[in-house]
């Protein structure tokens, strides 16, 4: 699941029938939920998510009302530049140790230096770059030790939380995360490291959000993002590595759905043990 890893070899994807229950054709297994959960879902479908006949939700209006206008989502220029710079960092287009000026990067993206400078300031807060007075921003140089330390801290936070969720969250809630797991597989299959980085963090966020602890989610996500910046040395993440990591997502989700705690524990510990390699 980690992109900053400097691996000596390729970790094989979990084979069907081992941790994951995926069939040999590679398709995702059907998400099965307990009978009780299916009954609750069927009841909701019969009533359209509304109270049964003879019941009325508190405060529900009996007359039709026009739907509320949808908020218009606008992506700021700074936000778009920030996303582009993060993708360039993950892909290795911005080289560790190199200094880049805001005007030069602005010309590259076809914008002024101001949104680039603002985005770089944000990346400096995240530890991805360092401010070089009167020159620009230097991409931070990271080594295996920093990656190992990040993996250790993440494990201390996430492993106990995931194990607790595995014991308490019902199977049908885990089924809702299936599209996020599939997104990591899709990005891995085409070797898109930037897309994989985003989908990887999205899957982790969704899992941890089930804890209801927003502060924990924010801290874990920041650590996860920092662990994805490339090392100063070592080969770029290979497609085979991404596919192996994506298989961990789907295998973990299958184990959570089936509430196989032994497999969940093995997968989670293997994931974080391999994050610093």
C-alpha atoms as a PDB file:
ATOM      1  CA  UNK A   1       0.000   0.000   0.000  1.00  0.00           C
ATOM      2  CA  UNK A   2       2.946   2.298   0.305  1.00  0.00           C
ATOM      3  CA  UNK A   3       4.640   4.056  -2.547  1.00  0.00           C
ATOM      4  CA  UNK A   4       7.796   5.391  -0.928  1.00  0.00           C
ATOM      5  CA  UNK A   5       9.112   1.916  -0.278  1.00  0.00           C
ATOM      6  CA  UNK A   6      12.506   1.002  -1.682  1.00  0.00           C
ATOM      7  CA  UNK A   7      11.969  -2.695  -2.191  1.00  0.00           C
ATOM      8  CA  UNK A   8      14.664  -5.189  -3.075  1.00  0.00           C
ATOM      9  CA  UNK A   9      12.162  -7.540  -4.672  1.00  0.00           C
ATOM     10  CA  UNK A  10       8.562  -7.642  -5.704  1.00  0.00           C
ATOM     11  CA  UNK A  11       6.062  -8.781  -3.103  1.00  0.00           C
ATOM     12  CA  UNK A  12       3.681 -11.172  -4.864  1.00  0.00           C
ATOM     13  CA  UNK A  13       0.008 -10.370  -4.873  1.00  0.00           C
ATOM     14  CA  UNK A  14      -2.012 -12.550  -2.543  1.00  0.00           C
ATOM     15  CA  UNK A  15      -3.216 -15.509  -4.561  1.00  0.00           C
ATOM     16  CA  UNK A  16      -6.906 -16.371  -4.784  1.00  0.00           C
ATOM     17  CA  UNK A  17      -7.807 -18.798  -2.064  1.00  0.00           C
ATOM     18  CA  UNK A  18      -5.060 -17.597   0.277  1.00  0.00           C
ATOM     19  CA  UNK A  19      -6.067 -14.341   1.951  1.00  0.00           C
ATOM     20  CA  UNK A  20      -8.300 -13.040  -0.823  1.00  0.00           C
ATOM     21  CA  UNK A  21     -11.259 -15.002  -2.052  1.00  0.00           C
ATOM     22  CA  UNK A  22     -11.143 -13.556  -5.559  1.00  0.00           C
ATOM     23  CA  UNK A  23     -11.800 -16.080  -8.363  1.00  0.00           C
ATOM     24  CA  UNK A  24      -9.097 -17.028 -10.794  1.00  0.00           C
ATOM     25  CA  UNK A  25     -10.414 -14.670 -13.474  1.00  0.00           C
ATOM     26  CA  UNK A  26      -9.437 -11.704 -11.287  1.00  0.00           C
ATOM     27  CA  UNK A  27     -12.950 -10.366 -10.769  1.00  0.00           C
ATOM     28  CA  UNK A  28     -13.863  -9.023  -7.363  1.00  0.00           C
ATOM     29  CA  UNK A  29     -15.900 -11.488  -5.261  1.00  0.00           C
ATOM     30  CA  UNK A  30     -19.520 -10.735  -4.481  1.00  0.00           C
ATOM     31  CA  UNK A  31     -19.880  -8.975  -1.173  1.00  0.00           C
ATOM     32  CA  UNK A  32     -22.030 -11.161   1.048  1.00  0.00           C
ATOM     33  CA  UNK A  33     -23.591  -9.790   4.192  1.00  0.00           C
ATOM     34  CA  UNK A  34     -25.294 -11.562   7.113  1.00  0.00           C
ATOM     35  CA  UNK A  35     -28.996 -12.466   6.828  1.00  0.00           C
ATOM     36  CA  UNK A  36     -29.981  -9.869   9.427  1.00  0.00           C
ATOM     37  CA  UNK A  37     -28.262  -7.077   7.535  1.00  0.00           C
ATOM     38  CA  UNK A  38     -29.868  -8.198   4.279  1.00  0.00           C
ATOM     39  CA  UNK A  39     -33.267  -8.151   5.953  1.00  0.00           C
ATOM     40  CA  UNK A  40     -32.731  -4.602   7.144  1.00  0.00           C
ATOM     41  CA  UNK A  41     -31.598  -3.513   3.702  1.00  0.00           C
ATOM     42  CA  UNK A  42     -34.581  -5.222   2.034  1.00  0.00           C
ATOM     43  CA  UNK A  43     -36.952  -3.462   4.413  1.00  0.00           C
ATOM     44  CA  UNK A  44     -35.426  -0.129   3.543  1.00  0.00           C
ATOM     45  CA  UNK A  45     -35.779  -0.891  -0.170  1.00  0.00           C
ATOM     46  CA  UNK A  46     -39.465  -1.826   0.180  1.00  0.00           C
ATOM     47  CA  UNK A  47     -40.264   1.477   1.829  1.00  0.00           C
ATOM     48  CA  UNK A  48     -37.882   3.530  -0.274  1.00  0.00           C
ATOM     49  CA  UNK A  49     -35.901   4.464   2.799  1.00  0.00           C
ATOM     50  CA  UNK A  50     -39.069   5.987   4.378  1.00  0.00           C
ATOM     51  CA  UNK A  51     -41.185   4.888   7.343  1.00  0.00           C
ATOM     52  CA  UNK A  52     -43.673   2.084   6.659  1.00  0.00           C
ATOM     53  CA  UNK A  53     -47.338   2.816   5.895  1.00  0.00           C
ATOM     54  CA  UNK A  54     -49.103   4.437   8.803  1.00  0.00           C
ATOM     55  CA  UNK A  55     -45.922   6.011  10.093  1.00  0.00           C
ATOM     56  CA  UNK A  56     -44.607   9.487   9.497  1.00  0.00           C
ATOM     57  CA  UNK A  57     -41.101  10.669  10.230  1.00  0.00           C
ATOM     58  CA  UNK A  58     -40.930  13.456  12.773  1.00  0.00           C
ATOM     59  CA  UNK A  59     -40.979  16.845  11.056  1.00  0.00           C
ATOM     60  CA  UNK A  60     -41.739  15.383   7.582  1.00  0.00           C
ATOM     61  CA  UNK A  61     -43.774  17.673   5.316  1.00  0.00           C
ATOM     62  CA  UNK A  62     -46.819  16.205   3.632  1.00  0.00           C
ATOM     63  CA  UNK A  63     -46.667  18.599   0.673  1.00  0.00           C
ATOM     64  CA  UNK A  64     -44.084  18.389  -2.051  1.00  0.00           C
ATOM     65  CA  UNK A  65     -41.183  20.789  -1.923  1.00  0.00           C
ATOM     66  CA  UNK A  66     -38.705  21.731  -4.613  1.00  0.00           C
ATOM     67  CA  UNK A  67     -35.302  20.134  -4.101  1.00  0.00           C
ATOM     68  CA  UNK A  68     -32.644  22.296  -2.504  1.00  0.00           C
ATOM     69  CA  UNK A  69     -30.239  23.788  -5.051  1.00  0.00           C
ATOM     70  CA  UNK A  70     -27.008  21.851  -5.341  1.00  0.00           C
ATOM     71  CA  UNK A  71     -23.900  23.694  -4.299  1.00  0.00           C
ATOM     72  CA  UNK A  72     -21.629  24.601  -7.163  1.00  0.00           C
ATOM     73  CA  UNK A  73     -18.221  22.989  -6.683  1.00  0.00           C
ATOM     74  CA  UNK A  74     -15.380  25.176  -7.917  1.00  0.00           C
ATOM     75  CA  UNK A  75     -11.798  24.035  -7.828  1.00  0.00           C
ATOM     76  CA  UNK A  76      -9.468  26.923  -7.115  1.00  0.00           C
ATOM     77  CA  UNK A  77      -6.413  27.449  -9.256  1.00  0.00           C
ATOM     78  CA  UNK A  78      -4.236  26.922  -6.197  1.00  0.00           C
ATOM     79  CA  UNK A  79      -6.010  23.638  -5.479  1.00  0.00           C
ATOM     80  CA  UNK A  80      -5.485  22.426  -9.024  1.00  0.00           C
ATOM     81  CA  UNK A  81      -1.808  23.390  -8.920  1.00  0.00           C
ATOM     82  CA  UNK A  82      -1.422  21.692  -5.539  1.00  0.00           C
ATOM     83  CA  UNK A  83      -2.895  18.468  -6.944  1.00  0.00           C
ATOM     84  CA  UNK A  84      -0.614  18.684  -9.978  1.00  0.00           C
ATOM     85  CA  UNK A  85       2.481  19.245  -7.832  1.00  0.00           C
ATOM     86  CA  UNK A  86       1.595  16.327  -5.572  1.00  0.00           C
ATOM     87  CA  UNK A  87       1.194  14.095  -8.603  1.00  0.00           C
ATOM     88  CA  UNK A  88       4.557  15.294  -9.946  1.00  0.00           C
ATOM     89  CA  UNK A  89       6.182  14.483  -6.599  1.00  0.00           C
ATOM     90  CA  UNK A  90       4.767  10.965  -6.485  1.00  0.00           C
ATOM     91  CA  UNK A  91       5.695  10.330 -10.119  1.00  0.00           C
ATOM     92  CA  UNK A  92       9.252  11.565  -9.532  1.00  0.00           C
ATOM     93  CA  UNK A  93       8.941  14.438 -12.015  1.00  0.00           C
ATOM     94  CA  UNK A  94      10.071  16.789  -9.249  1.00  0.00           C
ATOM     95  CA  UNK A  95      13.472  15.393  -8.316  1.00  0.00           C
ATOM     96  CA  UNK A  96      14.562  15.202  -4.644  1.00  0.00           C
ATOM     97  CA  UNK A  97      17.291  17.767  -3.942  1.00  0.00           C
ATOM     98  CA  UNK A  98      16.448  19.965  -6.920  1.00  0.00           C
ATOM     99  CA  UNK A  99      15.349  23.588  -6.480  1.00  0.00           C
ATOM    100  CA  UNK A 100      12.336  24.827  -8.455  1.00  0.00           C
ATOM    101  CA  UNK A 101      11.232  28.442  -8.731  1.00  0.00           C
ATOM    102  CA  UNK A 102       7.594  29.469  -8.618  1.00  0.00           C
ATOM    103  CA  UNK A 103       7.807  31.493 -11.896  1.00  0.00           C
ATOM    104  CA  UNK A 104       9.335  28.530 -13.748  1.00  0.00           C
ATOM    105  CA  UNK A 105       6.698  26.130 -12.469  1.00  0.00           C
ATOM    106  CA  UNK A 106       3.998  28.708 -13.198  1.00  0.00           C
ATOM    107  CA  UNK A 107       5.146  28.878 -16.816  1.00  0.00           C
ATOM    108  CA  UNK A 108       5.051  25.090 -16.958  1.00  0.00           C
ATOM    109  CA  UNK A 109       1.429  25.019 -15.785  1.00  0.00           C
ATOM    110  CA  UNK A 110       0.360  28.133 -17.664  1.00  0.00           C
ATOM    111  CA  UNK A 111      -0.428  30.191 -14.549  1.00  0.00           C
ATOM    112  CA  UNK A 112       1.157  33.030 -12.621  1.00  0.00           C
ATOM    113  CA  UNK A 113       3.726  32.408  -9.912  1.00  0.00           C
ATOM    114  CA  UNK A 114       1.291  33.297  -7.125  1.00  0.00           C
ATOM    115  CA  UNK A 115      -0.827  30.088  -7.001  1.00  0.00           C
ATOM    116  CA  UNK A 116       2.317  28.011  -7.425  1.00  0.00           C
ATOM    117  CA  UNK A 117       3.981  29.797  -4.529  1.00  0.00           C
ATOM    118  CA  UNK A 118       0.888  29.288  -2.355  1.00  0.00           C
ATOM    119  CA  UNK A 119       0.735  25.589  -3.239  1.00  0.00           C
ATOM    120  CA  UNK A 120       4.447  25.168  -2.535  1.00  0.00           C
ATOM    121  CA  UNK A 121       3.992  26.801   0.862  1.00  0.00           C
ATOM    122  CA  UNK A 122       1.417  24.132   1.623  1.00  0.00           C
ATOM    123  CA  UNK A 123       3.801  21.400   0.494  1.00  0.00           C
ATOM    124  CA  UNK A 124       6.468  22.922   2.751  1.00  0.00           C
ATOM    125  CA  UNK A 125       4.118  22.534   5.719  1.00  0.00           C
ATOM    126  CA  UNK A 126       3.624  18.895   4.731  1.00  0.00           C
ATOM    127  CA  UNK A 127       7.386  18.368   4.577  1.00  0.00           C
ATOM    128  CA  UNK A 128       7.526  17.628   0.857  1.00  0.00           C
ATOM    129  CA  UNK A 129       9.639  20.688  -0.016  1.00  0.00           C
ATOM    130  CA  UNK A 130      11.884  23.183   1.750  1.00  0.00           C
ATOM    131  CA  UNK A 131      11.840  26.948   1.228  1.00  0.00           C
ATOM    132  CA  UNK A 132      15.066  28.300  -0.260  1.00  0.00           C
ATOM    133  CA  UNK A 133      15.120  32.095   0.212  1.00  0.00           C
ATOM    134  CA  UNK A 134      15.350  34.081  -3.038  1.00  0.00           C
ATOM    135  CA  UNK A 135      15.520  30.886  -5.095  1.00  0.00           C
ATOM    136  CA  UNK A 136      12.373  28.856  -4.695  1.00  0.00           C
ATOM    137  CA  UNK A 137      11.666  25.452  -3.197  1.00  0.00           C
ATOM    138  CA  UNK A 138      13.880  22.403  -2.845  1.00  0.00           C
ATOM    139  CA  UNK A 139      12.263  18.968  -3.003  1.00  0.00           C
ATOM    140  CA  UNK A 140      13.019  17.231   0.282  1.00  0.00           C
ATOM    141  CA  UNK A 141      15.536  14.407   0.247  1.00  0.00           C
ATOM    142  CA  UNK A 142      14.250  11.405   2.159  1.00  0.00           C
ATOM    143  CA  UNK A 143      15.988   8.183   3.043  1.00  0.00           C
ATOM    144  CA  UNK A 144      14.878   4.681   4.090  1.00  0.00           C
ATOM    145  CA  UNK A 145      15.181   5.566   7.775  1.00  0.00           C
ATOM    146  CA  UNK A 146      12.540   8.295   7.536  1.00  0.00           C
ATOM    147  CA  UNK A 147      10.258   5.925   5.652  1.00  0.00           C
ATOM    148  CA  UNK A 148      10.701   3.260   8.327  1.00  0.00           C
ATOM    149  CA  UNK A 149       9.929   5.786  11.067  1.00  0.00           C
ATOM    150  CA  UNK A 150       6.758   6.892   9.299  1.00  0.00           C
ATOM    151  CA  UNK A 151       5.678   3.268   8.898  1.00  0.00           C
ATOM    152  CA  UNK A 152       6.281   2.613  12.592  1.00  0.00           C
ATOM    153  CA  UNK A 153       4.200   5.593  13.690  1.00  0.00           C
ATOM    154  CA  UNK A 154       1.405   4.722  11.285  1.00  0.00           C
ATOM    155  CA  UNK A 155       1.331   1.160  12.579  1.00  0.00           C
ATOM    156  CA  UNK A 156       1.074   2.371  16.177  1.00  0.00           C
ATOM    157  CA  UNK A 157      -2.000   4.404  15.204  1.00  0.00           C
ATOM    158  CA  UNK A 158      -3.773   2.309  12.608  1.00  0.00           C
ATOM    159  CA  UNK A 159      -3.245  -1.327  13.613  1.00  0.00           C
ATOM    160  CA  UNK A 160      -5.126  -1.153  16.953  1.00  0.00           C
ATOM    161  CA  UNK A 161      -7.913   0.883  15.356  1.00  0.00           C
ATOM    162  CA  UNK A 162      -8.355  -1.553  12.464  1.00  0.00           C
ATOM    163  CA  UNK A 163      -8.409  -4.539  14.801  1.00  0.00           C
ATOM    164  CA  UNK A 164     -11.028  -2.842  16.961  1.00  0.00           C
ATOM    165  CA  UNK A 165     -13.160  -2.062  13.912  1.00  0.00           C
ATOM    166  CA  UNK A 166     -12.812  -5.643  12.674  1.00  0.00           C
ATOM    167  CA  UNK A 167     -14.510  -6.813  15.879  1.00  0.00           C
ATOM    168  CA  UNK A 168     -17.352  -4.285  15.895  1.00  0.00           C
ATOM    169  CA  UNK A 169     -18.251  -3.084  12.384  1.00  0.00           C
ATOM    170  CA  UNK A 170     -20.937  -5.206  10.659  1.00  0.00           C
ATOM    171  CA  UNK A 171     -20.167  -6.856   7.347  1.00  0.00           C
ATOM    172  CA  UNK A 172     -22.493  -4.716   5.234  1.00  0.00           C
ATOM    173  CA  UNK A 173     -20.585  -1.566   6.247  1.00  0.00           C
ATOM    174  CA  UNK A 174     -17.367  -3.051   4.872  1.00  0.00           C
ATOM    175  CA  UNK A 175     -19.145  -3.897   1.620  1.00  0.00           C
ATOM    176  CA  UNK A 176     -19.601  -0.172   1.051  1.00  0.00           C
ATOM    177  CA  UNK A 177     -15.829   0.207   0.732  1.00  0.00           C
ATOM    178  CA  UNK A 178     -15.613  -2.202  -2.210  1.00  0.00           C
ATOM    179  CA  UNK A 179     -15.476   0.567  -4.877  1.00  0.00           C
ATOM    180  CA  UNK A 180     -12.517   2.179  -3.080  1.00  0.00           C
ATOM    181  CA  UNK A 181     -10.615  -1.102  -3.043  1.00  0.00           C
ATOM    182  CA  UNK A 182     -11.404  -1.603  -6.724  1.00  0.00           C
ATOM    183  CA  UNK A 183     -10.107   1.903  -7.497  1.00  0.00           C
ATOM    184  CA  UNK A 184      -6.669   0.949  -6.157  1.00  0.00           C
ATOM    185  CA  UNK A 185      -6.668  -2.126  -8.407  1.00  0.00           C
ATOM    186  CA  UNK A 186      -7.601  -0.021 -11.431  1.00  0.00           C
ATOM    187  CA  UNK A 187      -4.828   2.511 -10.814  1.00  0.00           C
ATOM    188  CA  UNK A 188      -2.292  -0.246 -10.148  1.00  0.00           C
ATOM    189  CA  UNK A 189      -3.202  -2.118 -13.327  1.00  0.00           C
ATOM    190  CA  UNK A 190      -2.164   0.826 -15.500  1.00  0.00           C
ATOM    191  CA  UNK A 191       0.827   1.784 -13.333  1.00  0.00           C
ATOM    192  CA  UNK A 192      -0.569   5.234 -12.501  1.00  0.00           C
ATOM    193  CA  UNK A 193       1.379   6.040  -9.328  1.00  0.00           C
ATOM    194  CA  UNK A 194      -0.326   9.376  -8.679  1.00  0.00           C
ATOM    195  CA  UNK A 195      -3.827   7.897  -9.024  1.00  0.00           C
ATOM    196  CA  UNK A 196      -2.788   4.970  -6.859  1.00  0.00           C
ATOM    197  CA  UNK A 197      -1.511   7.309  -4.143  1.00  0.00           C
ATOM    198  CA  UNK A 198      -4.881   9.081  -4.008  1.00  0.00           C
ATOM    199  CA  UNK A 199      -6.974   5.901  -4.071  1.00  0.00           C
ATOM    200  CA  UNK A 200      -4.700   4.263  -1.484  1.00  0.00           C
ATOM    201  CA  UNK A 201      -5.235   7.113   0.970  1.00  0.00           C
ATOM    202  CA  UNK A 202      -8.961   7.235   0.183  1.00  0.00           C
ATOM    203  CA  UNK A 203      -9.310   3.570   1.151  1.00  0.00           C
ATOM    204  CA  UNK A 204      -7.410   4.074   4.408  1.00  0.00           C
ATOM    205  CA  UNK A 205      -9.418   7.183   5.256  1.00  0.00           C
ATOM    206  CA  UNK A 206     -12.697   5.362   4.695  1.00  0.00           C
ATOM    207  CA  UNK A 207     -11.628   2.505   6.959  1.00  0.00           C
ATOM    208  CA  UNK A 208     -10.481   4.804   9.759  1.00  0.00           C
ATOM    209  CA  UNK A 209     -13.558   7.060   9.455  1.00  0.00           C
ATOM    210  CA  UNK A 210     -15.616   4.121  10.709  1.00  0.00           C
ATOM    211  CA  UNK A 211     -14.005   4.803  14.091  1.00  0.00           C
ATOM    212  CA  UNK A 212     -15.810   8.158  14.260  1.00  0.00           C
ATOM    213  CA  UNK A 213     -12.580   9.875  15.379  1.00  0.00           C
ATOM    214  CA  UNK A 214     -11.982  12.770  12.978  1.00  0.00           C
ATOM    215  CA  UNK A 215      -8.712  13.815  14.626  1.00  0.00           C
ATOM    216  CA  UNK A 216      -7.299  10.330  14.230  1.00  0.00           C
ATOM    217  CA  UNK A 217      -8.299  10.289  10.559  1.00  0.00           C
ATOM    218  CA  UNK A 218      -6.595  13.652   9.928  1.00  0.00           C
ATOM    219  CA  UNK A 219      -3.344  12.655  11.651  1.00  0.00           C
ATOM    220  CA  UNK A 220      -3.199   9.249   9.949  1.00  0.00           C
ATOM    221  CA  UNK A 221      -3.903  10.765   6.529  1.00  0.00           C
ATOM    222  CA  UNK A 222      -1.097  13.309   6.920  1.00  0.00           C
ATOM    223  CA  UNK A 223       1.378  10.565   7.883  1.00  0.00           C
ATOM    224  CA  UNK A 224       0.179   8.456   4.980  1.00  0.00           C
ATOM    225  CA  UNK A 225       0.686  11.300   2.501  1.00  0.00           C
ATOM    226  CA  UNK A 226       4.226  11.918   3.744  1.00  0.00           C
ATOM    227  CA  UNK A 227       5.042   8.237   3.360  1.00  0.00           C
ATOM    228  CA  UNK A 228       4.200   8.441  -0.345  1.00  0.00           C
ATOM    229  CA  UNK A 229       6.855  10.986  -1.364  1.00  0.00           C
ATOM    230  CA  UNK A 230       9.643   9.231  -3.289  1.00  0.00           C
ATOM    231  CA  UNK A 231      12.994   8.356  -1.758  1.00  0.00           C
ATOM    232  CA  UNK A 232      16.113  10.264  -2.768  1.00  0.00           C
ATOM    233  CA  UNK A 233      17.501   7.025  -4.169  1.00  0.00           C
ATOM    234  CA  UNK A 234      16.069   3.750  -5.314  1.00  0.00           C
ATOM    235  CA  UNK A 235      13.965   2.644  -8.264  1.00  0.00           C
ATOM    236  CA  UNK A 236      10.542   4.068  -8.953  1.00  0.00           C
ATOM    237  CA  UNK A 237       7.621   2.011  -7.774  1.00  0.00           C
ATOM    238  CA  UNK A 238       6.933  -0.715 -10.310  1.00  0.00           C
ATOM    239  CA  UNK A 239       3.526  -1.768 -11.577  1.00  0.00           C
ATOM    240  CA  UNK A 240       3.997  -5.200 -10.018  1.00  0.00           C
ATOM    241  CA  UNK A 241       4.543  -3.535  -6.621  1.00  0.00           C
ATOM    242  CA  UNK A 242       1.352  -1.515  -7.017  1.00  0.00           C
ATOM    243  CA  UNK A 243      -0.625  -4.629  -7.972  1.00  0.00           C
ATOM    244  CA  UNK A 244       0.725  -6.483  -4.942  1.00  0.00           C
ATOM    245  CA  UNK A 245      -0.275  -3.598  -2.696  1.00  0.00           C
ATOM    246  CA  UNK A 246      -3.731  -3.351  -4.269  1.00  0.00           C
ATOM    247  CA  UNK A 247      -4.273  -7.052  -3.625  1.00  0.00           C
ATOM    248  CA  UNK A 248      -3.678  -6.350   0.071  1.00  0.00           C
ATOM    249  CA  UNK A 249      -6.579  -3.889   0.030  1.00  0.00           C
ATOM    250  CA  UNK A 250      -8.996  -6.386  -1.494  1.00  0.00           C
ATOM    251  CA  UNK A 251      -7.770  -9.274   0.659  1.00  0.00           C
ATOM    252  CA  UNK A 252      -8.148  -7.171   3.803  1.00  0.00           C
ATOM    253  CA  UNK A 253     -11.646  -6.122   2.804  1.00  0.00           C
ATOM    254  CA  UNK A 254     -12.653  -9.739   2.141  1.00  0.00           C
ATOM    255  CA  UNK A 255     -11.370 -10.758   5.572  1.00  0.00           C
ATOM    256  CA  UNK A 256     -13.231  -7.872   7.220  1.00  0.00           C
ATOM    257  CA  UNK A 257     -16.478  -8.783   5.472  1.00  0.00           C
ATOM    258  CA  UNK A 258     -16.167 -12.408   6.591  1.00  0.00           C
ATOM    259  CA  UNK A 259     -15.013 -11.247  10.054  1.00  0.00           C
ATOM    260  CA  UNK A 260     -11.980 -13.511   9.914  1.00  0.00           C
ATOM    261  CA  UNK A 261      -9.983 -11.787  12.654  1.00  0.00           C
ATOM    262  CA  UNK A 262      -6.914 -14.008  12.308  1.00  0.00           C
ATOM    263  CA  UNK A 263      -6.529 -13.118   8.638  1.00  0.00           C
ATOM    264  CA  UNK A 264      -7.247  -9.435   9.306  1.00  0.00           C
ATOM    265  CA  UNK A 265      -4.478  -9.331  11.903  1.00  0.00           C
ATOM    266  CA  UNK A 266      -2.014 -11.107   9.611  1.00  0.00           C
ATOM    267  CA  UNK A 267      -2.770  -8.779   6.694  1.00  0.00           C
ATOM    268  CA  UNK A 268      -2.603  -5.574   8.717  1.00  0.00           C
ATOM    269  CA  UNK A 269       0.706  -6.503  10.339  1.00  0.00           C
ATOM    270  CA  UNK A 270       2.183  -7.618   7.013  1.00  0.00           C
ATOM    271  CA  UNK A 271       1.077  -4.361   5.414  1.00  0.00           C
ATOM    272  CA  UNK A 272       2.839  -2.141   7.894  1.00  0.00           C
ATOM    273  CA  UNK A 273       5.846  -4.446   8.213  1.00  0.00           C
ATOM    274  CA  UNK A 274       6.354  -4.093   4.456  1.00  0.00           C
ATOM    275  CA  UNK A 275       5.794  -0.344   4.415  1.00  0.00           C
ATOM    276  CA  UNK A 276       9.408   0.406   5.343  1.00  0.00           C
ATOM    277  CA  UNK A 277      10.993  -1.857   2.762  1.00  0.00           C
END
